[in-house]
Structures are given as structure tokens and as C-alpha cells.
Protein backbone atom coordinates (compact mmCIF):
# COMPACT_ATOMS: atom_id res chain seq x y z
CA MET A 1 -160.86 -168.88 74.75
CA PHE A 2 -163.78 -167.77 72.63
CA GLN A 3 -164.53 -164.07 72.46
CA LEU A 4 -165.76 -161.35 70.26
CA LEU A 5 -162.80 -159.75 68.58
CA PRO A 6 -162.65 -156.06 67.65
CA GLY A 7 -162.57 -155.86 63.89
CA HIS A 8 -162.29 -153.21 61.13
CA ILE A 9 -164.54 -153.35 58.22
CA GLN A 10 -163.20 -151.75 55.01
CA PRO A 11 -165.69 -149.01 53.78
CA THR A 12 -167.14 -149.51 50.35
CA GLY A 13 -164.84 -148.19 47.67
CA HIS A 14 -161.75 -147.93 50.07
CA ARG A 15 -158.41 -148.85 48.28
CA THR A 16 -155.45 -149.75 50.12
CA ARG A 17 -152.18 -148.46 48.90
CA LYS A 18 -150.35 -151.63 49.37
CA SER A 19 -149.14 -152.91 45.91
CA ARG A 20 -150.48 -156.31 44.91
CA LEU A 21 -149.77 -158.75 42.08
CA VAL A 22 -153.31 -159.40 41.09
CA THR A 23 -155.91 -156.51 41.36
CA LYS A 24 -159.30 -157.03 42.66
CA ASP A 25 -160.79 -157.19 39.13
CA GLY A 26 -158.15 -159.83 38.16
CA HIS A 27 -155.52 -157.85 36.27
CA CYS A 28 -151.96 -158.68 36.92
CA ASN A 29 -149.82 -155.84 38.10
CA ILE A 30 -146.45 -156.79 36.50
CA GLU A 31 -144.19 -155.36 33.74
CA PHE A 32 -141.28 -156.75 31.79
CA GLY A 33 -138.11 -154.85 31.36
CA ASN A 34 -134.84 -155.37 29.42
CA ILE A 35 -136.32 -157.71 26.83
CA GLU A 36 -133.98 -158.35 23.95
CA TYR A 37 -134.91 -157.18 20.39
CA SER A 38 -135.20 -160.84 19.12
CA ASN A 39 -137.93 -161.47 21.90
CA HIS A 40 -139.89 -158.64 20.63
CA PHE A 41 -139.90 -160.27 17.18
CA ALA A 42 -141.78 -163.14 18.64
CA PHE A 43 -144.90 -160.84 19.10
CA VAL A 44 -144.85 -160.18 15.33
CA VAL A 45 -144.60 -163.94 14.57
CA ASP A 46 -147.64 -164.61 16.79
CA PHE A 47 -149.56 -161.50 15.06
CA TRP A 48 -153.08 -163.05 15.53
CA THR A 49 -152.74 -163.33 19.31
CA THR A 50 -151.06 -159.86 19.33
CA PHE A 51 -153.93 -158.27 17.34
CA VAL A 52 -156.67 -159.94 19.41
CA GLU A 53 -155.06 -158.74 22.73
CA ILE A 54 -154.31 -155.18 21.83
CA ARG A 55 -156.73 -152.52 23.18
CA TRP A 56 -159.84 -151.37 21.29
CA ARG A 57 -158.50 -148.02 20.38
CA PHE A 58 -155.67 -149.60 18.41
CA VAL A 59 -158.14 -152.17 16.85
CA LEU A 60 -160.27 -149.30 15.47
CA LEU A 61 -157.08 -147.49 14.22
CA LEU A 62 -155.94 -150.66 12.51
CA PHE A 63 -159.34 -151.17 11.04
CA VAL A 64 -159.43 -147.58 9.59
CA ALA A 65 -155.84 -147.78 8.36
CA ALA A 66 -156.24 -151.32 6.67
CA PHE A 67 -158.99 -150.13 4.48
CA THR A 68 -158.03 -146.63 3.75
CA GLY A 69 -154.43 -147.60 3.21
CA SER A 70 -155.40 -150.37 0.71
CA TRP A 71 -157.76 -147.92 -1.16
CA PHE A 72 -155.01 -145.30 -1.46
CA VAL A 73 -152.35 -147.83 -2.60
CA PHE A 74 -154.40 -149.30 -5.33
CA SER A 75 -155.54 -145.82 -6.39
CA LEU A 76 -151.88 -145.02 -7.07
CA LEU A 77 -151.66 -148.10 -9.21
CA TRP A 78 -154.90 -147.00 -11.12
CA TYR A 79 -153.60 -143.59 -11.63
CA TRP A 80 -150.19 -145.02 -12.77
CA ILE A 81 -152.08 -147.19 -15.50
CA ALA A 82 -154.26 -144.19 -16.52
CA LYS A 83 -151.29 -141.92 -16.87
CA SER A 84 -149.19 -144.48 -18.77
CA ASN A 85 -152.03 -144.96 -21.18
CA GLY A 86 -152.51 -141.18 -21.64
CA ASP A 87 -156.13 -141.15 -20.05
CA LEU A 88 -155.56 -138.15 -17.83
CA THR A 89 -157.20 -134.85 -18.61
CA VAL A 90 -153.83 -132.88 -18.75
CA GLN A 91 -152.46 -135.17 -21.31
CA ASN A 92 -153.13 -134.53 -25.03
CA GLN A 93 -155.22 -137.49 -26.34
CA THR A 94 -155.05 -138.17 -30.21
CA GLU A 95 -158.14 -138.95 -32.20
CA GLY A 96 -159.20 -142.54 -31.74
CA HIS A 97 -157.51 -142.82 -28.36
CA VAL A 98 -158.47 -146.08 -26.53
CA ARG A 99 -158.93 -145.62 -22.85
CA CYS A 100 -158.04 -148.39 -20.14
CA ILE A 101 -160.43 -146.86 -17.58
CA ASP A 102 -163.39 -144.62 -18.29
CA ASN A 103 -163.69 -141.36 -16.34
CA VAL A 104 -160.42 -141.69 -14.46
CA ASN A 105 -158.96 -138.34 -15.08
CA GLY A 106 -156.69 -137.63 -12.03
CA LEU A 107 -155.68 -138.95 -8.56
CA THR A 108 -159.17 -138.10 -6.99
CA THR A 109 -161.12 -140.09 -9.45
CA ALA A 110 -158.50 -142.87 -9.22
CA PHE A 111 -159.08 -143.13 -5.51
CA LEU A 112 -162.80 -143.06 -5.93
CA TYR A 113 -162.53 -145.91 -8.57
CA SER A 114 -160.37 -147.93 -6.15
CA LEU A 115 -162.90 -147.52 -3.19
CA GLU A 116 -165.81 -148.43 -5.46
CA THR A 117 -164.04 -151.53 -6.75
CA GLN A 118 -162.85 -152.89 -3.45
CA THR A 119 -166.26 -152.31 -1.70
CA THR A 120 -168.23 -153.54 -4.74
CA ILE A 121 -170.22 -150.35 -4.87
CA GLY A 122 -170.02 -149.97 -8.73
CA TYR A 123 -171.76 -146.62 -9.42
CA GLY A 124 -171.22 -147.25 -13.15
CA GLY A 125 -169.59 -143.90 -13.94
CA ARG A 126 -166.01 -145.45 -13.78
CA ALA A 127 -165.34 -148.80 -15.31
CA LEU A 128 -162.82 -150.74 -17.19
CA THR A 129 -162.95 -150.74 -20.87
CA GLY A 130 -161.41 -154.35 -21.28
CA HIS A 131 -158.74 -153.01 -23.75
CA CYS A 132 -155.83 -153.26 -21.25
CA ALA A 133 -154.68 -156.58 -19.84
CA GLY A 134 -153.00 -154.89 -16.87
CA THR A 135 -156.27 -153.50 -15.68
CA VAL A 136 -157.87 -156.91 -15.60
CA ALA A 137 -155.05 -158.37 -13.60
CA LEU A 138 -154.93 -155.43 -11.18
CA ILE A 139 -158.77 -155.53 -10.49
CA ILE A 140 -158.50 -159.35 -9.68
CA PHE A 141 -155.60 -158.74 -7.26
CA GLN A 142 -157.46 -155.85 -5.49
CA SER A 143 -160.69 -157.91 -5.07
CA LEU A 144 -158.69 -160.79 -3.45
CA VAL A 145 -156.82 -158.32 -1.11
CA GLY A 146 -160.15 -156.72 -0.21
CA VAL A 147 -161.62 -160.12 0.63
CA PHE A 148 -158.53 -160.89 2.73
CA ILE A 149 -158.82 -157.76 4.68
CA ASN A 150 -162.49 -158.02 5.42
CA CYS A 151 -162.25 -161.70 6.63
CA PHE A 152 -159.17 -160.77 8.79
CA MET A 153 -160.75 -157.63 10.40
CA CYS A 154 -164.24 -159.26 11.00
CA GLY A 155 -162.42 -162.43 12.45
CA MET A 156 -160.24 -160.32 14.79
CA ILE A 157 -163.13 -158.14 15.91
CA LEU A 158 -165.30 -161.21 16.54
CA ALA A 159 -162.61 -163.12 18.44
CA LYS A 160 -162.00 -159.96 20.55
CA ILE A 161 -165.65 -159.51 21.45
CA SER A 162 -166.01 -163.20 22.30
CA LEU A 163 -163.07 -163.40 24.56
CA PRO A 164 -163.66 -165.51 27.66
CA LYS A 165 -162.39 -162.58 29.86
CA LYS A 166 -165.76 -160.90 29.12
CA ARG A 167 -167.60 -163.72 30.59
CA ALA A 168 -165.48 -163.47 33.67
CA LYS A 169 -166.80 -159.95 34.18
CA THR A 170 -170.14 -161.51 35.33
CA VAL A 171 -168.51 -163.57 37.99
CA THR A 172 -167.73 -161.65 41.23
CA PHE A 173 -165.98 -162.35 44.62
CA SER A 174 -166.67 -160.79 47.90
CA ASN A 175 -164.67 -157.67 48.72
CA THR A 176 -163.37 -159.18 51.96
CA ALA A 177 -162.66 -162.63 53.27
CA VAL A 178 -163.63 -163.68 56.84
CA ILE A 179 -162.17 -166.05 59.38
CA CYS A 180 -164.67 -167.83 61.73
CA LEU A 181 -165.70 -171.22 62.92
CA LYS A 182 -167.46 -173.48 60.57
CA LYS A 183 -168.39 -177.18 61.25
CA GLY A 184 -166.31 -177.33 64.27
CA SER A 185 -163.12 -175.98 62.48
CA LEU A 186 -161.46 -172.54 62.12
CA CYS A 187 -162.01 -171.54 58.44
CA LEU A 188 -161.18 -168.88 56.06
CA LEU A 189 -164.34 -168.02 53.97
CA ILE A 190 -164.87 -166.17 50.79
CA ARG A 191 -167.90 -165.68 48.62
CA VAL A 192 -168.32 -165.86 44.88
CA ALA A 193 -171.43 -165.39 42.64
CA ASN A 194 -172.32 -165.88 39.09
CA LEU A 195 -174.43 -162.94 37.97
CA ARG A 196 -175.72 -164.84 34.85
CA LYS A 197 -178.48 -167.61 34.88
CA THR A 198 -176.26 -169.66 32.47
CA LEU A 199 -174.09 -171.89 34.44
CA LEU A 200 -170.17 -172.42 34.45
CA ILE A 201 -169.58 -176.13 33.69
CA GLY A 202 -166.90 -178.03 35.46
CA SER A 203 -166.01 -175.13 37.71
CA GLN A 204 -162.93 -175.55 39.94
CA ILE A 205 -161.65 -173.08 42.55
CA TYR A 206 -158.16 -172.99 44.12
CA GLY A 207 -155.84 -170.41 45.66
CA LYS A 208 -152.27 -169.38 45.81
CA LEU A 209 -150.54 -167.57 48.63
CA LEU A 210 -147.89 -165.26 47.59
CA LYS A 211 -145.24 -164.12 49.99
CA THR A 212 -141.64 -163.47 50.28
CA THR A 213 -139.79 -166.27 52.03
CA THR A 214 -136.14 -167.04 52.93
CA THR A 215 -134.70 -170.43 52.60
CA SER A 216 -132.52 -172.34 55.02
CA ASP A 217 -129.65 -171.45 52.66
CA GLY A 218 -130.28 -167.71 52.98
CA GLU A 219 -131.88 -167.28 49.46
CA THR A 220 -134.82 -164.77 49.40
CA ILE A 221 -137.62 -165.93 47.23
CA ILE A 222 -139.89 -163.19 46.06
CA LEU A 223 -143.48 -164.21 45.31
CA ASP A 224 -143.08 -167.58 46.72
CA GLN A 225 -146.37 -169.56 45.82
CA VAL A 226 -148.05 -171.91 48.45
CA ASP A 227 -151.18 -173.88 47.56
CA VAL A 228 -154.35 -172.99 49.32
CA ASP A 229 -157.25 -175.35 48.97
CA PHE A 230 -160.84 -174.27 48.97
CA THR A 231 -163.92 -176.37 49.04
CA VAL A 232 -167.71 -176.21 49.61
CA ASP A 233 -170.10 -178.54 51.32
CA ALA A 234 -170.53 -180.71 48.18
CA GLY A 235 -166.80 -180.80 47.34
CA LYS A 236 -164.29 -178.57 45.50
CA ASP A 237 -164.67 -179.91 41.82
CA ASN A 238 -167.63 -179.41 39.44
CA LEU A 239 -169.46 -176.82 41.51
CA PHE A 240 -173.24 -176.33 41.08
CA PHE A 241 -172.76 -172.75 40.21
CA VAL A 242 -176.44 -171.64 40.02
CA CYS A 243 -176.42 -169.37 43.17
CA PRO A 244 -173.70 -167.59 45.23
CA LEU A 245 -171.43 -170.05 46.99
CA THR A 246 -169.44 -169.56 50.17
CA LEU A 247 -165.99 -171.29 49.89
CA TYR A 248 -163.86 -172.17 52.97
CA HIS A 249 -160.41 -173.14 53.69
CA VAL A 250 -159.83 -175.27 56.86
CA ILE A 251 -157.14 -173.79 58.94
CA ASN A 252 -155.27 -176.73 60.28
CA ARG A 253 -151.52 -177.80 60.70
CA SER A 254 -151.17 -178.20 56.86
CA SER A 255 -152.50 -174.86 56.25
CA PRO A 256 -150.19 -171.73 55.56
CA PHE A 257 -152.31 -169.72 58.01
CA TYR A 258 -151.77 -172.05 60.91
CA GLU A 259 -149.37 -169.64 62.88
CA LEU A 260 -151.71 -166.63 62.36
CA THR A 261 -153.61 -164.91 65.16
CA ALA A 262 -156.09 -162.16 65.35
CA ASP A 263 -153.34 -159.82 66.38
CA THR A 264 -150.69 -160.69 63.90
CA LEU A 265 -152.96 -160.94 60.85
CA PRO A 266 -152.97 -157.23 59.98
CA LEU A 267 -149.20 -157.14 60.35
CA GLN A 268 -148.58 -159.87 57.81
CA ASP A 269 -147.25 -159.24 54.27
CA PHE A 270 -148.74 -161.73 51.87
CA GLU A 271 -151.38 -161.82 49.20
CA LEU A 272 -153.98 -164.59 48.79
CA VAL A 273 -154.92 -164.98 45.10
CA VAL A 274 -158.14 -166.99 44.37
CA PHE A 275 -158.82 -168.49 41.08
CA LEU A 276 -162.15 -170.01 39.50
CA ASP A 277 -161.89 -171.97 36.27
CA GLY A 278 -164.93 -173.01 34.32
CA THR A 279 -166.47 -173.45 30.90
CA ALA A 280 -169.25 -171.03 29.83
CA GLU A 281 -172.41 -173.10 29.10
CA SER A 282 -173.52 -170.75 26.17
CA THR A 283 -170.24 -170.50 24.25
CA SER A 284 -168.32 -173.66 25.41
CA SER A 285 -165.26 -171.23 25.93
CA SER A 286 -163.09 -171.64 29.02
CA CYS A 287 -162.59 -168.77 31.19
CA GLN A 288 -160.74 -167.93 34.44
CA VAL A 289 -161.78 -165.47 37.22
CA ARG A 290 -159.29 -164.14 39.79
CA THR A 291 -159.03 -161.91 42.57
CA SER A 292 -156.80 -161.33 45.59
CA TYR A 293 -156.99 -160.56 49.22
CA ILE A 294 -154.30 -158.91 51.21
CA PRO A 295 -154.19 -159.20 55.17
CA GLN A 296 -156.10 -155.89 55.67
CA GLU A 297 -159.03 -157.40 53.64
CA ILE A 298 -159.23 -160.50 55.82
CA GLN A 299 -161.67 -160.01 58.81
CA TRP A 300 -160.84 -162.17 61.85
CA GLY A 301 -164.09 -163.00 63.92
CA TYR A 302 -166.51 -162.20 61.36
CA SER A 303 -169.09 -164.31 59.31
CA PHE A 304 -171.01 -163.48 56.09
CA LEU A 305 -174.63 -162.49 56.39
CA PRO A 306 -177.24 -164.88 54.59
CA ILE A 307 -178.31 -163.75 51.17
CA ILE A 308 -180.46 -166.53 49.96
CA SER A 309 -184.14 -166.57 50.97
CA ARG A 310 -187.38 -168.05 49.47
CA THR A 311 -190.44 -165.88 48.35
CA LYS A 312 -194.08 -166.66 48.85
CA THR A 313 -194.19 -167.58 45.20
CA GLY A 314 -191.80 -170.34 45.81
CA LYS A 315 -188.81 -168.75 43.91
CA TYR A 316 -185.28 -168.38 45.51
CA ARG A 317 -184.23 -164.79 45.93
CA VAL A 318 -180.59 -163.70 46.25
CA ASP A 319 -179.98 -160.33 48.05
CA PHE A 320 -176.68 -158.95 46.69
CA SER A 321 -176.89 -155.96 48.97
CA ASN A 322 -175.50 -158.36 51.64
CA PHE A 323 -173.07 -160.26 49.44
CA SER A 324 -169.91 -158.66 51.03
CA LYS A 325 -171.42 -157.70 54.41
CA SER A 326 -170.27 -159.50 57.45
CA VAL A 327 -171.30 -159.73 61.11
CA GLN A 328 -169.12 -160.16 64.23
CA VAL A 329 -169.35 -163.59 65.74
CA THR A 330 -167.60 -165.44 68.50
CA THR A 331 -164.25 -166.80 67.21
CA PRO A 332 -161.01 -168.13 68.91
CA HIS A 333 -158.16 -165.81 69.01
CA CYS A 334 -155.88 -168.15 67.21
CA VAL A 335 -155.73 -171.74 65.90
CA HIS A 336 -153.61 -172.94 68.95
CA CYS A 337 -156.20 -171.54 71.40
CA PHE A 338 -158.91 -173.42 69.44
CA GLU A 339 -157.02 -176.77 69.39
CA THR A 340 -156.10 -176.31 73.19
CA ASP A 341 -159.62 -175.73 74.11
CA VAL A 342 -160.87 -178.80 72.06
CA ASP A 343 -158.19 -180.93 73.57
CA GLN A 344 -159.01 -179.88 77.05
CA ARG A 345 -162.63 -180.60 76.48
CA ASN A 346 -161.93 -184.05 75.00
CA HIS A 347 -159.57 -184.80 77.96
CA ASN A 348 -162.22 -183.81 80.41
CA SER A 349 -164.84 -185.88 78.70
CA TYR A 350 -162.51 -188.85 78.62
CA ASN A 351 -161.76 -188.46 82.36
CA LYS A 352 -165.36 -188.23 83.22
CA GLU A 353 -166.09 -191.51 81.23
CA ASN A 354 -163.11 -193.41 82.90
CA HIS A 355 -164.10 -192.20 86.39
CA SER A 356 -167.79 -193.62 85.97
CA SER A 357 -166.30 -196.76 84.70
CA HIS A 358 -164.23 -197.33 87.88
CA LEU A 359 -167.32 -196.64 90.26
CA LYS A 360 -169.45 -199.11 88.44
CA LEU A 361 -167.84 -202.52 87.58
CA GLY A 362 -169.71 -205.50 86.19
CA ILE A 363 -173.27 -205.99 85.03
CA ASP A 364 -176.26 -205.79 87.25
CA ASN A 365 -178.41 -209.11 87.35
CA LEU A 366 -181.86 -207.90 87.49
CA GLY A 367 -183.03 -211.54 88.50
CA PHE A 368 -180.78 -211.75 91.59
CA GLN A 369 -182.51 -211.21 95.03
CA VAL A 370 -180.92 -210.51 98.44
CA ILE A 371 -182.37 -212.20 101.50
CA ASP A 372 -181.35 -212.02 105.14
CA ILE A 373 -180.15 -215.13 107.06
CA HIS A 374 -180.77 -214.82 110.95
CA ASP A 375 -179.67 -218.31 112.10
CA PRO A 376 -176.19 -219.67 111.24
CA VAL A 377 -176.29 -222.98 109.46
CA ASP A 378 -173.74 -225.68 110.16
CA VAL A 379 -172.87 -226.98 106.72
CA THR A 380 -170.47 -229.65 108.28
CA LYS A 381 -173.16 -231.55 110.12
CA MET A 382 -174.37 -234.80 108.52
């Protein structure tokens, strides 16, 4: 029943062409089509989330456009005030003319004055004279708009830099999963490691098996989700995530992998998505790490190589060169084979114990002695 099964190790950097819902780095491979126009407006209403989630190239474009656009719009207003008051160079100024803004003689100088005002540079060459009430109101309004733009852009960039998904980049899963014996059960094993020394508090891990199923009514369900429980030796909740952990799923009668065999596994069409939820110790932000495995990335009859050792100085060392490497081990061909072999051994052990109990009945009395009687004794004679 137990034998070494021929396996195929995916070479490093090999990418299968099979489409998957979740990529190895956790991105979801899905697109939405035929969305109504009213639904698109919802993204505008939730503008903060939209701005935080857009790509960096658009963030930088928005940053430049927000400041440059505000400077130019207010420069047009300053130019209009200067032109209305007759402060431009091309205008004929009468003797005793009172200017609203000093040294604003055209659109270029108006733009420079708008930039200097909003960024609080204040070179001193261009300034308000205080004789026009409109200029006082406009400079107050521009200062408020500048403060709002500064706060919004700084907040958006800070929120985008501190996104929890960035913390997830320092948590990695093994490239492949393996199926082998563990503690007397056939299990599916994966590895996960935290590359930072800071812990993920309250870590929980679970899985979803995605496959296409057909109900008894003939309905075809695409991406039907089935729960897959993972655990470690210390439990499945609140993992002590200080070193790489080997997570395992016991393949029993309640497991969705119960009907699989070493031969039928590569022919299956499913996707195993594994999730790890936790809270970053340094930022107290929740994050989720996910990856996926397809049947070609699950090795039957293999076990992970050890990666944790102890140095002479007493420190524990993790060798990440063996993180995703596996070695071939003796493994049952299928779950049914394993259960049949276990039942047969239990039956033989029970028969052996039962047979021994039939050969030996009662309890030996060590104080009992056997003696020989040569002459018959008449017990009826008085």
C-alpha cells in the first residue's frame, strides 16, 4: 500500500498557463463588465477610497494637476483684478493711480504671484496694497484652498504608503503544496513565513476550494466555494508567527480531497485559495495575505525539507533556500488505500488479542501446588 510515488517538481520560475482566480502574489484575476452608468457614479461618491486605491502614476498626476491647476485658476483671478483696476503695463495709467497689486503687470506675473501666495514663499516683490477689498477676500480664499489641497494630498499619500497590503508583501507562502503522512493521517501541507521580526497578532489561516460543480437539479455553479480547514500543532487560531510554520489539512471523509488519488490529482480542475489574516504589531492595521494552488502545484508523496536549525551561539536560524523544496517520501496511493491498510492492521491486531484470550482463561494462582496421589483413598469408609 505504501510506496514511493513518481512526482514532478515545478522548476523555479515556471508559470502554468492555466487561468486562476487568485494569482500567486494574491491579486484577483477578475473583471467586471456591463456595469450601469449609475453604478460608476458610486466610485465618485466614495472618492477617498477611489483615490487611495488608484495606481501611483495617477496619484502623481493628480498631485501635479491639483497644485498647478489651482495656481493657474487663481492667477486668472488675480489677472482679472489687476486688469479691472488698470494695473497692467499695456493700460494707460493716470497720475495718482492707486494699484491693487504691486508688480503684477501681466498674466505671467499674476501666475507667479498666485504661486508665491499659495506656497507662502513671499519674495516681497509682488504684494497687495490693501486698497482693494476684493484682493483681501481673494487671498483669504486662496489660502484656505491651498491648505485643503495640502491636507488632502498629504493624507492620501500617507494612507497609500501605509496600506496593509504592503505589509502582506513580507509574508510568503511556499510555491507548492505537498501531500504526505503526518501523525498517522494523510495530510495536505503548505508553508508560510513572516519575513519580518515583528509579529502578526491574532493570525488565522483558512482555505477555500474553488471548482465548478453541478447540482442535482442540473445547475452548473462556477467557482463554487468549499471550506478547507488548516491547522498547526498548536491549533489554528492565534498563531505564534515568529518563524515559518507548516500548516496541514487532514484528508478524511469530511475533506473535499477525500476522493483524490495520486493518479487523478493532476487531472483535476480546481483551485485552492489559502488566506492568512492578522494584525501588524507595529502599525495595528489588519492585513490579509492570500495565494492559490492548482492541482499541478500539489505534489503527492513529498514532504518539505527542514529549514530551522540552531547555531553554536544558541540562536535559531531559518534557511529560506529550502523553504519551498521537498523530498520524496513513502505515501499511500490514495486515502482509501490508507484507511483499508489501517483497518486491516487493526483487525489483525484485534484477532491476535482475541486468540490469545481464548488460549488462556482464568488467572494463575501462584500459591497452588500440584501433588501426586498413588494410593486410592476410600472416602466412604467410617
